[in-house]
Amino acid sequence: MPAIILHAQYAEAFENGFSATRRFLELRGAPPEEAEEIAQAAWVRGWEYRAQLRDPLLVGFWVNAIARNLYRARFRTPEPVPLEHLHDYGDSHIDVNAIELALLLDRCSGRDRALVKKSLEGYTAEEIARDSGITPTGIRVRLLRVRRLLHRRIAFA
């Protein structure tokens, strides 16, 4: 059963860990202003969900995981632009790698294609598992198999 962290404990953890969370995000590529904003949001969310924290001594690590997920969520797009709409963008640069990836994914089963797309959008195995009813380990194994299959297809192309 998780132990509820007390207000004073959380406040102390925040004082000691906020700058570490900000640096953690900056090391992952977040601009300083965005890292500050996401770190604040992560510590607030940590406080809101503190009942889920299993070990109060690991609050900093837990909040960093929340911050990482918030940062990843910023890169998710609601809907990817279909390849057939590339001409709508005028004289823009065409990403050949994206086209090749789309062609490879078209040769995968629908289930595998959806799984890889979710992974590429930044969803974690845990998030994908929640939506699909499969364990996170099962998701990781499926992703590994699809990656190996795609690697073999690339090698023989």
N, C-alpha and C. Protein backbone atom coordinates (compact mmCIF):
# COMPACT_ATOMS: atom_id res chain seq x y z
N MET A 1 0.85 -1.19 0.00
CA MET A 1 0.00 0.00 0.00
C MET A 1 0.89 1.24 0.00
N PRO A 2 0.68 2.17 -0.93
CA PRO A 2 1.51 3.37 -0.97
C PRO A 2 1.30 4.23 0.28
N ALA A 3 2.40 4.84 0.72
CA ALA A 3 2.32 5.76 1.85
C ALA A 3 2.09 7.17 1.29
N ILE A 4 1.14 7.88 1.85
CA ILE A 4 0.84 9.25 1.40
C ILE A 4 1.95 10.16 1.89
N ILE A 5 2.49 10.92 0.96
CA ILE A 5 3.55 11.86 1.31
C ILE A 5 2.91 13.11 1.93
N LEU A 6 3.50 13.57 2.98
CA LEU A 6 2.98 14.73 3.69
C LEU A 6 3.34 16.02 2.97
N HIS A 7 2.57 17.07 3.25
CA HIS A 7 2.80 18.38 2.62
C HIS A 7 4.23 18.85 2.83
N ALA A 8 4.72 18.76 4.06
CA ALA A 8 6.07 19.23 4.36
C ALA A 8 7.12 18.41 3.61
N GLN A 9 6.90 17.09 3.51
CA GLN A 9 7.85 16.24 2.77
C GLN A 9 7.87 16.62 1.29
N TYR A 10 6.70 16.85 0.74
CA TYR A 10 6.62 17.19 -0.68
C TYR A 10 7.25 18.56 -0.92
N ALA A 11 6.98 19.50 -0.03
CA ALA A 11 7.56 20.84 -0.16
C ALA A 11 9.09 20.76 -0.13
N GLU A 12 9.62 19.95 0.76
CA GLU A 12 11.07 19.79 0.85
C GLU A 12 11.62 19.13 -0.42
N ALA A 13 10.92 18.11 -0.92
CA ALA A 13 11.34 17.44 -2.15
C ALA A 13 11.31 18.42 -3.32
N PHE A 14 10.29 19.29 -3.36
CA PHE A 14 10.19 20.30 -4.41
C PHE A 14 11.37 21.26 -4.34
N GLU A 15 11.67 21.75 -3.15
CA GLU A 15 12.79 22.68 -2.97
C GLU A 15 14.10 22.06 -3.44
N ASN A 16 14.29 20.79 -3.12
CA ASN A 16 15.54 20.11 -3.47
C ASN A 16 15.55 19.59 -4.90
N GLY A 17 14.38 19.34 -5.50
CA GLY A 17 14.36 18.65 -6.78
C GLY A 17 13.88 19.42 -7.98
N PHE A 18 13.30 20.60 -7.79
CA PHE A 18 12.74 21.32 -8.94
C PHE A 18 13.81 21.65 -9.98
N SER A 19 14.94 22.18 -9.54
CA SER A 19 15.99 22.54 -10.51
C SER A 19 16.54 21.30 -11.20
N ALA A 20 16.58 20.16 -10.50
CA ALA A 20 17.02 18.92 -11.12
C ALA A 20 16.03 18.47 -12.21
N THR A 21 14.75 18.65 -11.95
CA THR A 21 13.74 18.29 -12.95
C THR A 21 13.87 19.19 -14.18
N ARG A 22 14.11 20.47 -13.95
CA ARG A 22 14.29 21.41 -15.07
C ARG A 22 15.52 21.01 -15.90
N ARG A 23 16.63 20.69 -15.23
CA ARG A 23 17.85 20.26 -15.94
C ARG A 23 17.60 18.94 -16.68
N PHE A 24 16.87 18.03 -16.05
CA PHE A 24 16.51 16.75 -16.66
C PHE A 24 15.82 16.98 -18.01
N LEU A 25 14.90 17.92 -18.05
CA LEU A 25 14.18 18.23 -19.29
C LEU A 25 15.07 18.92 -20.31
N GLU A 26 15.92 19.82 -19.85
CA GLU A 26 16.83 20.53 -20.76
C GLU A 26 17.80 19.55 -21.41
N LEU A 27 18.24 18.55 -20.65
CA LEU A 27 19.14 17.54 -21.22
C LEU A 27 18.44 16.68 -22.28
N ARG A 28 17.13 16.66 -22.26
CA ARG A 28 16.36 15.93 -23.26
C ARG A 28 15.92 16.82 -24.41
N GLY A 29 16.41 18.05 -24.44
CA GLY A 29 16.17 18.94 -25.57
C GLY A 29 15.15 20.02 -25.37
N ALA A 30 14.56 20.13 -24.20
CA ALA A 30 13.56 21.17 -23.97
C ALA A 30 14.25 22.53 -23.83
N PRO A 31 13.76 23.56 -24.51
CA PRO A 31 14.30 24.90 -24.31
C PRO A 31 14.09 25.32 -22.85
N PRO A 32 14.93 26.18 -22.31
CA PRO A 32 14.84 26.54 -20.89
C PRO A 32 13.46 27.00 -20.43
N GLU A 33 12.79 27.84 -21.23
CA GLU A 33 11.46 28.32 -20.82
C GLU A 33 10.45 27.18 -20.77
N GLU A 34 10.52 26.30 -21.75
CA GLU A 34 9.61 25.16 -21.79
C GLU A 34 9.93 24.17 -20.68
N ALA A 35 11.22 23.98 -20.41
CA ALA A 35 11.62 23.08 -19.32
C ALA A 35 11.09 23.59 -17.98
N GLU A 36 11.15 24.89 -17.78
CA GLU A 36 10.62 25.49 -16.55
C GLU A 36 9.12 25.24 -16.43
N GLU A 37 8.40 25.46 -17.51
CA GLU A 37 6.95 25.29 -17.51
C GLU A 37 6.55 23.82 -17.27
N ILE A 38 7.22 22.91 -17.96
CA ILE A 38 6.90 21.50 -17.82
C ILE A 38 7.28 21.00 -16.43
N ALA A 39 8.40 21.47 -15.90
CA ALA A 39 8.81 21.06 -14.55
C ALA A 39 7.77 21.50 -13.53
N GLN A 40 7.27 22.71 -13.67
CA GLN A 40 6.23 23.18 -12.76
C GLN A 40 4.98 22.31 -12.87
N ALA A 41 4.58 22.02 -14.10
CA ALA A 41 3.38 21.19 -14.31
C ALA A 41 3.58 19.79 -13.74
N ALA A 42 4.78 19.25 -13.87
CA ALA A 42 5.06 17.91 -13.36
C ALA A 42 4.98 17.87 -11.83
N TRP A 43 5.52 18.89 -11.18
CA TRP A 43 5.46 18.92 -9.71
C TRP A 43 4.03 19.13 -9.23
N VAL A 44 3.25 19.89 -9.96
CA VAL A 44 1.83 20.06 -9.59
C VAL A 44 1.10 18.74 -9.77
N ARG A 45 1.33 18.08 -10.90
CA ARG A 45 0.66 16.80 -11.13
C ARG A 45 1.12 15.77 -10.10
N GLY A 46 2.38 15.81 -9.73
CA GLY A 46 2.88 14.91 -8.69
C GLY A 46 2.13 15.11 -7.39
N TRP A 47 1.89 16.37 -7.03
CA TRP A 47 1.14 16.66 -5.81
C TRP A 47 -0.29 16.14 -5.92
N GLU A 48 -0.90 16.35 -7.08
CA GLU A 48 -2.28 15.91 -7.27
C GLU A 48 -2.43 14.40 -7.18
N TYR A 49 -1.42 13.67 -7.62
CA TYR A 49 -1.48 12.21 -7.65
C TYR A 49 -0.55 11.57 -6.59
N ARG A 50 -0.22 12.30 -5.58
CA ARG A 50 0.73 11.81 -4.57
C ARG A 50 0.29 10.52 -3.90
N ALA A 51 -1.00 10.23 -3.90
CA ALA A 51 -1.48 8.98 -3.31
C ALA A 51 -0.97 7.77 -4.10
N GLN A 52 -0.55 7.96 -5.35
CA GLN A 52 -0.04 6.86 -6.16
C GLN A 52 1.44 6.60 -5.94
N LEU A 53 2.12 7.49 -5.26
CA LEU A 53 3.55 7.35 -5.01
C LEU A 53 3.79 6.21 -4.03
N ARG A 54 4.59 5.26 -4.42
CA ARG A 54 4.84 4.08 -3.58
C ARG A 54 5.89 4.32 -2.52
N ASP A 55 6.91 5.10 -2.84
CA ASP A 55 8.00 5.33 -1.90
C ASP A 55 8.27 6.83 -1.83
N PRO A 56 7.92 7.47 -0.72
CA PRO A 56 8.12 8.92 -0.60
C PRO A 56 9.58 9.36 -0.79
N LEU A 57 10.52 8.45 -0.60
CA LEU A 57 11.93 8.79 -0.78
C LEU A 57 12.29 8.95 -2.26
N LEU A 58 11.44 8.46 -3.15
CA LEU A 58 11.72 8.51 -4.59
C LEU A 58 10.87 9.54 -5.32
N VAL A 59 10.37 10.53 -4.59
CA VAL A 59 9.48 11.51 -5.21
C VAL A 59 10.14 12.24 -6.37
N GLY A 60 11.42 12.56 -6.27
CA GLY A 60 12.12 13.25 -7.36
C GLY A 60 12.15 12.43 -8.63
N PHE A 61 12.47 11.14 -8.52
CA PHE A 61 12.48 10.26 -9.69
C PHE A 61 11.09 10.13 -10.29
N TRP A 62 10.10 10.05 -9.41
CA TRP A 62 8.71 9.90 -9.84
C TRP A 62 8.26 11.15 -10.61
N VAL A 63 8.57 12.31 -10.08
CA VAL A 63 8.19 13.56 -10.75
C VAL A 63 8.95 13.71 -12.07
N ASN A 64 10.20 13.26 -12.13
CA ASN A 64 10.94 13.31 -13.40
C ASN A 64 10.27 12.44 -14.45
N ALA A 65 9.73 11.30 -14.04
CA ALA A 65 9.01 10.44 -14.98
C ALA A 65 7.75 11.16 -15.49
N ILE A 66 7.07 11.84 -14.60
CA ILE A 66 5.90 12.62 -15.00
C ILE A 66 6.33 13.72 -15.98
N ALA A 67 7.43 14.40 -15.67
CA ALA A 67 7.94 15.48 -16.54
C ALA A 67 8.30 14.93 -17.92
N ARG A 68 8.96 13.77 -17.95
CA ARG A 68 9.32 13.16 -19.23
C ARG A 68 8.07 12.88 -20.06
N ASN A 69 7.03 12.35 -19.43
CA ASN A 69 5.79 12.05 -20.15
C ASN A 69 5.10 13.32 -20.64
N LEU A 70 5.12 14.37 -19.82
CA LEU A 70 4.53 15.65 -20.25
C LEU A 70 5.30 16.22 -21.44
N TYR A 71 6.63 16.10 -21.39
CA TYR A 71 7.46 16.61 -22.48
C TYR A 71 7.18 15.83 -23.77
N ARG A 72 7.10 14.51 -23.66
CA ARG A 72 6.79 13.69 -24.84
C ARG A 72 5.42 14.01 -25.40
N ALA A 73 4.47 14.28 -24.54
CA ALA A 73 3.11 14.56 -24.98
C ALA A 73 3.06 15.81 -25.86
N ARG A 74 4.01 16.70 -25.70
CA ARG A 74 4.02 17.92 -26.52
C ARG A 74 4.28 17.63 -27.99
N PHE A 75 4.90 16.48 -28.28
CA PHE A 75 5.27 16.15 -29.65
C PHE A 75 4.22 15.32 -30.36
N ARG A 76 3.20 14.91 -29.64
CA ARG A 76 2.16 14.11 -30.26
C ARG A 76 1.26 15.02 -31.09
N THR A 77 0.94 14.55 -32.24
CA THR A 77 0.02 15.30 -33.10
C THR A 77 -1.31 14.57 -33.10
N PRO A 78 -2.41 15.30 -33.17
CA PRO A 78 -3.71 14.63 -33.15
C PRO A 78 -3.88 13.67 -34.32
N GLU A 79 -3.47 14.08 -35.51
CA GLU A 79 -3.56 13.23 -36.69
C GLU A 79 -2.37 13.48 -37.58
N PRO A 80 -1.67 12.42 -37.99
CA PRO A 80 -0.57 12.63 -38.94
C PRO A 80 -1.14 13.06 -40.30
N VAL A 81 -0.36 13.81 -41.04
CA VAL A 81 -0.78 14.26 -42.36
C VAL A 81 -0.62 13.09 -43.33
N PRO A 82 -1.70 12.67 -44.00
CA PRO A 82 -1.59 11.56 -44.96
C PRO A 82 -0.65 11.93 -46.11
N LEU A 83 0.05 10.93 -46.63
CA LEU A 83 1.01 11.17 -47.70
C LEU A 83 0.37 11.77 -48.94
N GLU A 84 -0.89 11.42 -49.19
CA GLU A 84 -1.54 11.94 -50.40
C GLU A 84 -1.76 13.45 -50.34
N HIS A 85 -1.59 14.07 -49.17
CA HIS A 85 -1.77 15.51 -49.04
C HIS A 85 -0.45 16.28 -49.08
N LEU A 86 0.64 15.61 -49.44
CA LEU A 86 1.93 16.29 -49.51
C LEU A 86 1.90 17.45 -50.51
N HIS A 87 1.17 17.29 -51.60
CA HIS A 87 1.13 18.34 -52.63
C HIS A 87 0.44 19.60 -52.11
N ASP A 88 -0.32 19.52 -51.01
CA ASP A 88 -1.03 20.68 -50.47
C ASP A 88 -0.07 21.71 -49.87
N TYR A 89 1.17 21.35 -49.67
CA TYR A 89 2.11 22.24 -49.00
C TYR A 89 3.02 22.98 -49.97
N GLY A 90 2.64 23.02 -51.22
CA GLY A 90 3.37 23.81 -52.20
C GLY A 90 4.75 23.29 -52.46
N ASP A 91 5.72 24.18 -52.45
CA ASP A 91 7.08 23.87 -52.83
C ASP A 91 7.92 23.52 -51.60
N SER A 92 7.36 22.80 -50.65
CA SER A 92 8.10 22.47 -49.44
C SER A 92 9.00 21.26 -49.68
N HIS A 93 9.89 21.04 -48.76
CA HIS A 93 10.81 19.91 -48.80
C HIS A 93 10.06 18.61 -48.58
N ILE A 94 10.32 17.61 -49.39
CA ILE A 94 9.69 16.30 -49.23
C ILE A 94 10.64 15.41 -48.46
N ASP A 95 10.15 14.83 -47.38
CA ASP A 95 10.96 13.96 -46.53
C ASP A 95 10.93 12.54 -47.09
N VAL A 96 11.98 12.16 -47.81
CA VAL A 96 12.05 10.86 -48.45
C VAL A 96 12.02 9.74 -47.41
N ASN A 97 12.67 9.96 -46.27
CA ASN A 97 12.68 8.94 -45.22
C ASN A 97 11.27 8.67 -44.71
N ALA A 98 10.47 9.71 -44.57
CA ALA A 98 9.10 9.53 -44.10
C ALA A 98 8.29 8.75 -45.13
N ILE A 99 8.53 9.00 -46.39
CA ILE A 99 7.83 8.27 -47.45
C ILE A 99 8.23 6.80 -47.44
N GLU A 100 9.54 6.53 -47.31
CA GLU A 100 10.01 5.14 -47.26
C GLU A 100 9.45 4.42 -46.03
N LEU A 101 9.41 5.12 -44.91
CA LEU A 101 8.84 4.52 -43.71
C LEU A 101 7.37 4.19 -43.91
N ALA A 102 6.64 5.11 -44.52
CA ALA A 102 5.22 4.88 -44.78
C ALA A 102 5.02 3.67 -45.70
N LEU A 103 5.87 3.55 -46.71
CA LEU A 103 5.78 2.40 -47.62
C LEU A 103 6.06 1.10 -46.89
N LEU A 104 7.07 1.11 -46.01
CA LEU A 104 7.37 -0.08 -45.21
C LEU A 104 6.21 -0.43 -44.29
N LEU A 105 5.65 0.58 -43.64
CA LEU A 105 4.54 0.34 -42.72
C LEU A 105 3.31 -0.17 -43.46
N ASP A 106 3.13 0.25 -44.71
CA ASP A 106 2.00 -0.23 -45.49
C ASP A 106 2.08 -1.74 -45.73
N ARG A 107 3.29 -2.29 -45.67
CA ARG A 107 3.46 -3.73 -45.87
C ARG A 107 3.28 -4.51 -44.58
N CYS A 108 3.09 -3.82 -43.45
CA CYS A 108 2.84 -4.48 -42.15
C CYS A 108 1.35 -4.70 -41.97
N SER A 109 1.02 -5.55 -41.02
CA SER A 109 -0.40 -5.75 -40.70
C SER A 109 -0.94 -4.47 -40.08
N GLY A 110 -2.23 -4.30 -40.12
CA GLY A 110 -2.85 -3.10 -39.56
C GLY A 110 -2.54 -2.93 -38.09
N ARG A 111 -2.54 -4.04 -37.33
CA ARG A 111 -2.26 -3.99 -35.91
C ARG A 111 -0.82 -3.52 -35.66
N ASP A 112 0.14 -4.08 -36.43
CA ASP A 112 1.54 -3.69 -36.26
C ASP A 112 1.76 -2.23 -36.67
N ARG A 113 1.11 -1.83 -37.76
CA ARG A 113 1.24 -0.45 -38.24
C ARG A 113 0.75 0.53 -37.18
N ALA A 114 -0.41 0.25 -36.58
CA ALA A 114 -0.96 1.12 -35.55
C ALA A 114 -0.04 1.18 -34.33
N LEU A 115 0.55 0.05 -33.98
CA LEU A 115 1.45 -0.02 -32.83
C LEU A 115 2.71 0.83 -33.07
N VAL A 116 3.30 0.69 -34.25
CA VAL A 116 4.52 1.46 -34.57
C VAL A 116 4.20 2.95 -34.63
N LYS A 117 3.06 3.32 -35.21
CA LYS A 117 2.70 4.73 -35.29
C LYS A 117 2.54 5.33 -33.90
N LYS A 118 1.88 4.61 -33.00
CA LYS A 118 1.73 5.09 -31.62
C LYS A 118 3.10 5.29 -30.97
N SER A 119 3.99 4.33 -31.19
CA SER A 119 5.33 4.41 -30.62
C SER A 119 6.08 5.62 -31.19
N LEU A 120 5.97 5.84 -32.50
CA LEU A 120 6.65 6.97 -33.12
C LEU A 120 6.07 8.30 -32.67
N GLU A 121 4.81 8.31 -32.26
CA GLU A 121 4.18 9.54 -31.77
C GLU A 121 4.59 9.84 -30.33
N GLY A 122 5.36 8.94 -29.72
CA GLY A 122 5.87 9.21 -28.38
C GLY A 122 5.12 8.54 -27.25
N TYR A 123 4.14 7.73 -27.57
CA TYR A 123 3.40 7.04 -26.51
C TYR A 123 4.31 5.96 -25.89
N THR A 124 4.22 5.80 -24.59
CA THR A 124 4.99 4.77 -23.91
C THR A 124 4.28 3.43 -24.05
N ALA A 125 5.00 2.35 -23.76
CA ALA A 125 4.41 1.01 -23.82
C ALA A 125 3.24 0.91 -22.84
N GLU A 126 3.36 1.57 -21.70
CA GLU A 126 2.30 1.55 -20.70
C GLU A 126 1.04 2.23 -21.23
N GLU A 127 1.21 3.36 -21.92
CA GLU A 127 0.06 4.08 -22.47
C GLU A 127 -0.61 3.28 -23.58
N ILE A 128 0.19 2.67 -24.43
CA ILE A 128 -0.35 1.86 -25.52
C ILE A 128 -1.07 0.64 -24.94
N ALA A 129 -0.48 0.05 -23.90
CA ALA A 129 -1.07 -1.14 -23.27
C ALA A 129 -2.44 -0.82 -22.69
N ARG A 130 -2.55 0.32 -22.03
CA ARG A 130 -3.83 0.72 -21.46
C ARG A 130 -4.93 0.80 -22.51
N ASP A 131 -4.58 1.32 -23.68
CA ASP A 131 -5.57 1.48 -24.75
C ASP A 131 -5.89 0.17 -25.46
N SER A 132 -4.93 -0.77 -25.47
CA SER A 132 -5.13 -1.99 -26.26
C SER A 132 -5.48 -3.21 -25.44
N GLY A 133 -5.36 -3.12 -24.11
CA GLY A 133 -5.69 -4.27 -23.28
C GLY A 133 -4.61 -5.33 -23.26
N ILE A 134 -3.40 -4.97 -23.64
CA ILE A 134 -2.26 -5.88 -23.63
C ILE A 134 -1.28 -5.37 -22.58
N THR A 135 -0.50 -6.25 -21.99
CA THR A 135 0.46 -5.81 -20.98
C THR A 135 1.55 -4.96 -21.63
N PRO A 136 2.17 -4.07 -20.85
CA PRO A 136 3.29 -3.28 -21.40
C PRO A 136 4.41 -4.16 -21.94
N THR A 137 4.68 -5.29 -21.28
CA THR A 137 5.71 -6.21 -21.76
C THR A 137 5.31 -6.78 -23.12
N GLY A 138 4.03 -7.11 -23.27
CA GLY A 138 3.54 -7.61 -24.55
C GLY A 138 3.70 -6.58 -25.66
N ILE A 139 3.46 -5.33 -25.33
CA ILE A 139 3.63 -4.24 -26.31
C ILE A 139 5.10 -4.13 -26.71
N ARG A 140 6.01 -4.19 -25.72
CA ARG A 140 7.45 -4.08 -26.02
C ARG A 140 7.90 -5.24 -26.91
N VAL A 141 7.41 -6.45 -26.63
CA VAL A 141 7.78 -7.61 -27.43
C VAL A 141 7.26 -7.44 -28.86
N ARG A 142 6.02 -7.00 -29.01
CA ARG A 142 5.47 -6.78 -30.36
C ARG A 142 6.26 -5.72 -31.11
N LEU A 143 6.61 -4.63 -30.42
CA LEU A 143 7.40 -3.59 -31.07
C LEU A 143 8.77 -4.12 -31.49
N LEU A 144 9.39 -4.93 -30.66
CA LEU A 144 10.68 -5.52 -31.00
C LEU A 144 10.55 -6.39 -32.24
N ARG A 145 9.51 -7.21 -32.31
CA ARG A 145 9.31 -8.07 -33.48
C ARG A 145 9.06 -7.27 -34.74
N VAL A 146 8.27 -6.20 -34.63
CA VAL A 146 8.00 -5.37 -35.81
C VAL A 146 9.28 -4.67 -36.26
N ARG A 147 10.06 -4.16 -35.31
CA ARG A 147 11.32 -3.50 -35.67
C ARG A 147 12.26 -4.47 -36.39
N ARG A 148 12.34 -5.70 -35.89
CA ARG A 148 13.19 -6.70 -36.54
C ARG A 148 12.69 -7.00 -37.94
N LEU A 149 11.38 -7.13 -38.10
CA LEU A 149 10.80 -7.38 -39.41
C LEU A 149 11.13 -6.22 -40.36
N LEU A 150 10.94 -5.00 -39.90
CA LEU A 150 11.24 -3.83 -40.74
C LEU A 150 12.72 -3.77 -41.08
N HIS A 151 13.57 -4.11 -40.12
CA HIS A 151 15.01 -4.10 -40.36
C HIS A 151 15.36 -5.12 -41.45
N ARG A 152 14.76 -6.31 -41.39
CA ARG A 152 15.01 -7.32 -42.41
C ARG A 152 14.53 -6.83 -43.78
N ARG A 153 13.38 -6.19 -43.80
CA ARG A 153 12.85 -5.69 -45.08
C ARG A 153 13.75 -4.61 -45.67
N ILE A 154 14.30 -3.78 -44.81
CA ILE A 154 15.21 -2.73 -45.27
C ILE A 154 16.49 -3.36 -45.81
N ALA A 155 17.01 -4.37 -45.10
CA ALA A 155 18.25 -5.02 -45.50
C ALA A 155 18.12 -5.71 -46.85
N PHE A 156 16.93 -6.22 -47.17
CA PHE A 156 16.74 -6.94 -48.42
C PHE A 156 16.14 -6.07 -49.52
N ALA A 157 15.92 -4.80 -49.23
CA ALA A 157 15.32 -3.91 -50.23
C ALA A 157 16.33 -3.49 -51.26
